Amino acid sequence: MIKAVVFDVGETLIDETRIWSRWADRLGVSRFVMMGALGGMAALDRSHREAFELVRPGLDITAELAAWERDEPDGLRNHFDADDLYPDVREALAALRASGQQVIIAGNQPVRAYDALVAMDLPVDSVHTSEGWGVSKPAAEFFAKVAAIAGREPAEILYVGDRLDNDVLPAARAGMRTALLRRGPWGHLHAERPQAKAADLIVDDLPALLPALAGLT
């Protein structure tokens, strides 16, 4: 029986459209080109960071981030806030929690994302980031931390994310149940792949999770 539902962040809870749009504006390319490059990387199973190299060959991302912070110290830049929350998130998390589920957020995010998520006052039991833990997905140690924080056996945890490589497959290897969310470029692409059969659930939105839990035994 599932006793804890754990959520990824980017394109699971947070719509990253504005982030990538700001990147396009920053780099001086059209938003269409930026989104196309990102989608191409997703389709080719390459890192999203390679999209930067595609649109701006030789770009030093670390240096660019530092320059961006100097130019816009009070701006969101490559971060998010409550306006980026997908509209189904708050209600779906509240419903899961009201049903007795432990609800946790744990994804590959910097410390600043932790602050942003906490500020949203979401109906969750706890929020955690890879930078805070010092380990990132898809490392097995990340999912071991998830189980330890939840205080549950892996089989009692449902991990929800939009990717096979970072979410579904490593969580399953850790002994957890998994849900693949068909959301964002990776979610739509990965849901069509044969490996998607490894997911216990494939859902189109977060409200679909609660009724689906009854079928996980």
Protein backbone atom coordinates (compact mmCIF):
# COMPACT_ATOMS: atom_id res chain seq x y z
CA MET A 1 0.00 0.00 0.00
CA ILE A 2 1.26 3.45 -0.89
CA LYS A 3 1.77 5.63 2.17
CA ALA A 4 3.86 8.48 0.74
CA VAL A 5 3.74 10.33 -2.58
CA VAL A 6 6.94 12.16 -3.54
CA PHE A 7 7.09 14.74 -6.31
CA ASP A 8 9.77 15.93 -8.69
CA VAL A 9 9.76 19.70 -9.28
CA GLY A 10 10.53 20.92 -12.82
CA GLU A 11 7.67 20.20 -15.25
CA THR A 12 5.95 18.20 -12.53
CA LEU A 13 4.98 20.99 -10.18
CA ILE A 14 6.63 23.95 -11.91
CA ASP A 15 5.94 25.13 -15.45
CA GLU A 16 9.37 26.08 -16.81
CA THR A 17 8.07 28.05 -19.81
CA ARG A 18 8.90 31.44 -18.32
CA ILE A 19 12.37 30.29 -17.29
CA TRP A 20 13.26 29.16 -20.81
CA SER A 21 11.66 32.28 -22.30
CA ARG A 22 13.88 34.46 -20.13
CA TRP A 23 16.90 32.43 -21.20
CA ALA A 24 16.00 33.03 -24.86
CA ASP A 25 15.70 36.76 -24.24
CA ARG A 26 18.99 36.79 -22.37
CA LEU A 27 20.85 34.96 -25.12
CA GLY A 28 19.33 37.03 -27.89
CA VAL A 29 17.54 34.20 -29.71
CA SER A 30 13.85 33.78 -30.39
CA ARG A 31 11.80 31.87 -27.87
CA PHE A 32 10.77 29.50 -30.65
CA VAL A 33 14.43 28.64 -31.32
CA MET A 34 15.17 28.14 -27.62
CA MET A 35 12.17 25.87 -27.08
CA GLY A 36 12.98 23.95 -30.27
CA ALA A 37 16.56 23.37 -29.16
CA LEU A 38 15.37 22.18 -25.78
CA GLY A 39 12.88 19.78 -27.36
CA GLY A 40 15.61 18.45 -29.61
CA MET A 41 17.83 17.68 -26.65
CA ALA A 42 14.94 15.89 -24.96
CA ALA A 43 14.27 13.78 -28.06
CA LEU A 44 17.97 12.89 -28.39
CA ASP A 45 18.39 12.01 -24.70
CA ARG A 46 20.93 14.77 -24.30
CA SER A 47 21.25 17.20 -21.43
CA HIS A 48 19.20 20.38 -21.52
CA ARG A 49 22.51 22.21 -21.07
CA GLU A 50 23.46 21.21 -24.62
CA ALA A 51 20.63 23.42 -25.86
CA PHE A 52 22.74 26.40 -24.80
CA GLU A 53 25.68 25.18 -26.88
CA LEU A 54 23.37 24.74 -29.85
CA VAL A 55 22.04 28.30 -29.80
CA ARG A 56 25.20 29.98 -28.49
CA PRO A 57 28.29 27.87 -29.30
CA GLY A 58 31.04 28.27 -26.72
CA LEU A 59 28.76 29.77 -24.07
CA ASP A 60 30.17 29.58 -20.53
CA ILE A 61 26.96 28.97 -18.59
CA THR A 62 28.52 29.62 -15.19
CA ALA A 63 29.95 32.95 -16.31
CA GLU A 64 26.68 33.88 -18.00
CA LEU A 65 24.70 33.15 -14.84
CA ALA A 66 27.07 35.32 -12.82
CA ALA A 67 26.75 38.16 -15.34
CA TRP A 68 22.97 37.81 -15.37
CA GLU A 69 22.86 38.09 -11.59
CA ARG A 70 24.96 41.26 -11.73
CA ASP A 71 22.70 42.72 -14.42
CA GLU A 72 19.41 41.78 -12.75
CA PRO A 73 20.12 41.20 -9.05
CA ASP A 74 16.44 41.39 -8.12
CA GLY A 75 15.08 39.47 -11.12
CA LEU A 76 13.95 35.85 -11.28
CA ARG A 77 16.46 35.07 -14.05
CA ASN A 78 16.64 31.24 -14.26
CA HIS A 79 14.50 30.71 -11.16
CA PHE A 80 10.78 30.38 -10.48
CA ASP A 81 8.12 31.66 -8.13
CA ALA A 82 4.46 30.93 -7.31
CA ASP A 83 3.31 32.25 -10.70
CA ASP A 84 5.04 29.26 -12.32
CA LEU A 85 3.14 26.65 -10.32
CA TYR A 86 0.96 24.45 -12.55
CA PRO A 87 -2.71 25.20 -11.81
CA ASP A 88 -3.57 21.65 -10.69
CA VAL A 89 -0.78 21.36 -8.11
CA ARG A 90 -2.20 22.86 -4.94
CA GLU A 91 -5.57 21.10 -5.16
CA ALA A 92 -4.03 17.73 -6.06
CA LEU A 93 -1.50 17.84 -3.22
CA ALA A 94 -4.20 18.85 -0.76
CA ALA A 95 -6.42 15.97 -1.85
CA LEU A 96 -3.61 13.45 -1.45
CA ARG A 97 -2.78 14.76 1.99
CA ALA A 98 -6.44 14.76 3.04
CA SER A 99 -6.64 11.10 2.02
CA GLY A 100 -3.92 10.27 4.55
CA GLN A 101 -0.93 10.24 2.22
CA GLN A 102 2.38 11.71 3.30
CA VAL A 103 3.25 14.28 0.62
CA ILE A 104 6.87 15.24 -0.06
CA ILE A 105 8.67 17.33 -2.66
CA ALA A 106 12.17 16.17 -3.61
CA GLY A 107 13.85 17.06 -6.89
CA ASN A 108 17.04 18.16 -8.60
CA GLN A 109 17.01 21.81 -7.61
CA PRO A 110 19.28 24.46 -6.05
CA VAL A 111 18.81 25.85 -2.56
CA ARG A 112 17.02 28.91 -3.97
CA ALA A 113 14.30 26.58 -5.27
CA TYR A 114 13.80 25.28 -1.74
CA ASP A 115 13.13 28.81 -0.53
CA ALA A 116 10.71 29.46 -3.40
CA LEU A 117 8.77 26.25 -2.78
CA VAL A 118 8.55 26.82 0.96
CA ALA A 119 7.29 30.37 0.34
CA MET A 120 4.39 28.93 -1.67
CA ASP A 121 3.02 27.29 1.50
CA LEU A 122 2.01 24.16 -0.38
CA PRO A 123 0.05 21.40 1.41
CA VAL A 124 3.08 19.11 1.82
CA ASP A 125 4.89 17.51 4.73
CA SER A 126 8.38 18.53 3.63
CA VAL A 127 10.46 20.00 0.81
CA HIS A 128 13.93 18.84 -0.21
CA THR A 129 16.43 19.64 -2.97
CA SER A 130 19.39 17.87 -4.46
CA GLU A 131 21.72 20.74 -3.56
CA GLY A 132 20.53 20.59 0.02
CA TRP A 133 21.20 16.87 0.14
CA GLY A 134 24.45 16.97 -1.83
CA VAL A 135 23.25 14.25 -4.21
CA SER A 136 21.25 14.40 -7.43
CA LYS A 137 18.99 12.12 -9.44
CA PRO A 138 19.38 9.58 -10.91
CA ALA A 139 21.89 8.48 -8.23
CA ALA A 140 20.67 5.66 -6.03
CA GLU A 141 21.72 7.70 -3.01
CA PHE A 142 19.10 10.33 -3.86
CA PHE A 143 16.29 7.80 -3.66
CA ALA A 144 17.76 6.32 -0.50
CA LYS A 145 17.47 9.81 0.99
CA VAL A 146 13.85 10.00 -0.16
CA ALA A 147 13.03 6.77 1.68
CA ALA A 148 14.92 7.89 4.79
CA ILE A 149 13.17 11.27 4.90
CA ALA A 150 9.78 9.64 4.40
CA GLY A 151 10.54 7.01 7.03
CA ARG A 152 8.92 4.42 4.76
CA GLU A 153 9.89 1.24 2.99
CA PRO A 154 10.60 1.97 -0.69
CA ALA A 155 7.60 -0.11 -1.78
CA GLU A 156 5.34 2.21 0.23
CA ILE A 157 6.48 5.26 -1.78
CA LEU A 158 5.15 6.51 -5.11
CA TYR A 159 7.65 8.76 -6.89
CA VAL A 160 6.06 11.11 -9.43
CA GLY A 161 8.06 12.75 -12.22
CA ASP A 162 8.11 13.68 -15.89
CA ARG A 163 11.16 11.67 -16.96
CA LEU A 164 12.10 8.03 -17.35
CA ASP A 165 15.85 8.52 -16.92
CA ASN A 166 15.80 10.77 -13.85
CA ASP A 167 12.57 9.69 -12.17
CA VAL A 168 10.79 6.48 -13.12
CA LEU A 169 13.65 4.10 -13.84
CA PRO A 170 15.97 4.98 -10.93
CA ALA A 171 13.07 5.15 -8.47
CA ALA A 172 11.92 1.71 -9.62
CA ARG A 173 15.44 0.37 -9.18
CA ALA A 174 15.31 1.70 -5.63
CA GLY A 175 12.19 -0.42 -5.04
CA MET A 176 9.65 2.42 -5.25
CA ARG A 177 6.41 2.57 -7.20
CA THR A 178 6.40 5.17 -9.93
CA ALA A 179 4.15 7.52 -11.87
CA LEU A 180 5.18 9.12 -15.16
CA LEU A 181 3.52 12.48 -15.71
CA ARG A 182 2.83 13.31 -19.36
CA ARG A 183 3.80 16.96 -18.94
CA GLY A 184 6.56 19.07 -20.48
CA PRO A 185 8.78 17.98 -23.39
CA TRP A 186 10.36 15.02 -21.59
CA GLY A 187 7.05 13.81 -20.19
CA HIS A 188 5.32 13.68 -23.56
CA LEU A 189 8.29 12.08 -25.31
CA HIS A 190 9.04 9.55 -22.60
CA ALA A 191 5.43 8.42 -22.25
CA GLU A 192 5.61 7.14 -25.84
CA ARG A 193 8.71 5.03 -25.30
CA PRO A 194 8.64 1.28 -24.64
CA GLN A 195 10.42 1.83 -21.31
CA ALA A 196 7.38 3.75 -20.09
CA LYS A 197 5.85 0.35 -19.33
CA ALA A 198 8.17 0.31 -16.31
CA ALA A 199 6.01 2.99 -14.69
CA ASP A 200 3.20 1.79 -12.47
CA LEU A 201 1.10 4.72 -13.64
CA ILE A 202 1.12 7.11 -16.59
CA VAL A 203 -1.05 10.15 -15.93
CA ASP A 204 -1.91 13.34 -17.80
CA ASP A 205 -2.33 15.50 -14.71
CA LEU A 206 -1.86 15.42 -10.95
CA PRO A 207 -5.53 15.02 -9.93
CA ALA A 208 -5.44 11.62 -11.69
CA LEU A 209 -3.05 10.29 -9.06
CA LEU A 210 -5.45 9.95 -6.13
CA PRO A 211 -8.05 7.70 -7.81
CA ALA A 212 -5.25 5.68 -9.42
CA LEU A 213 -3.65 4.88 -6.06
CA ALA A 214 -6.43 2.42 -5.26
CA GLY A 215 -5.20 0.19 -8.08
CA LEU A 216 -1.64 -0.05 -6.70
CA THR A 217 -1.35 -3.09 -4.47
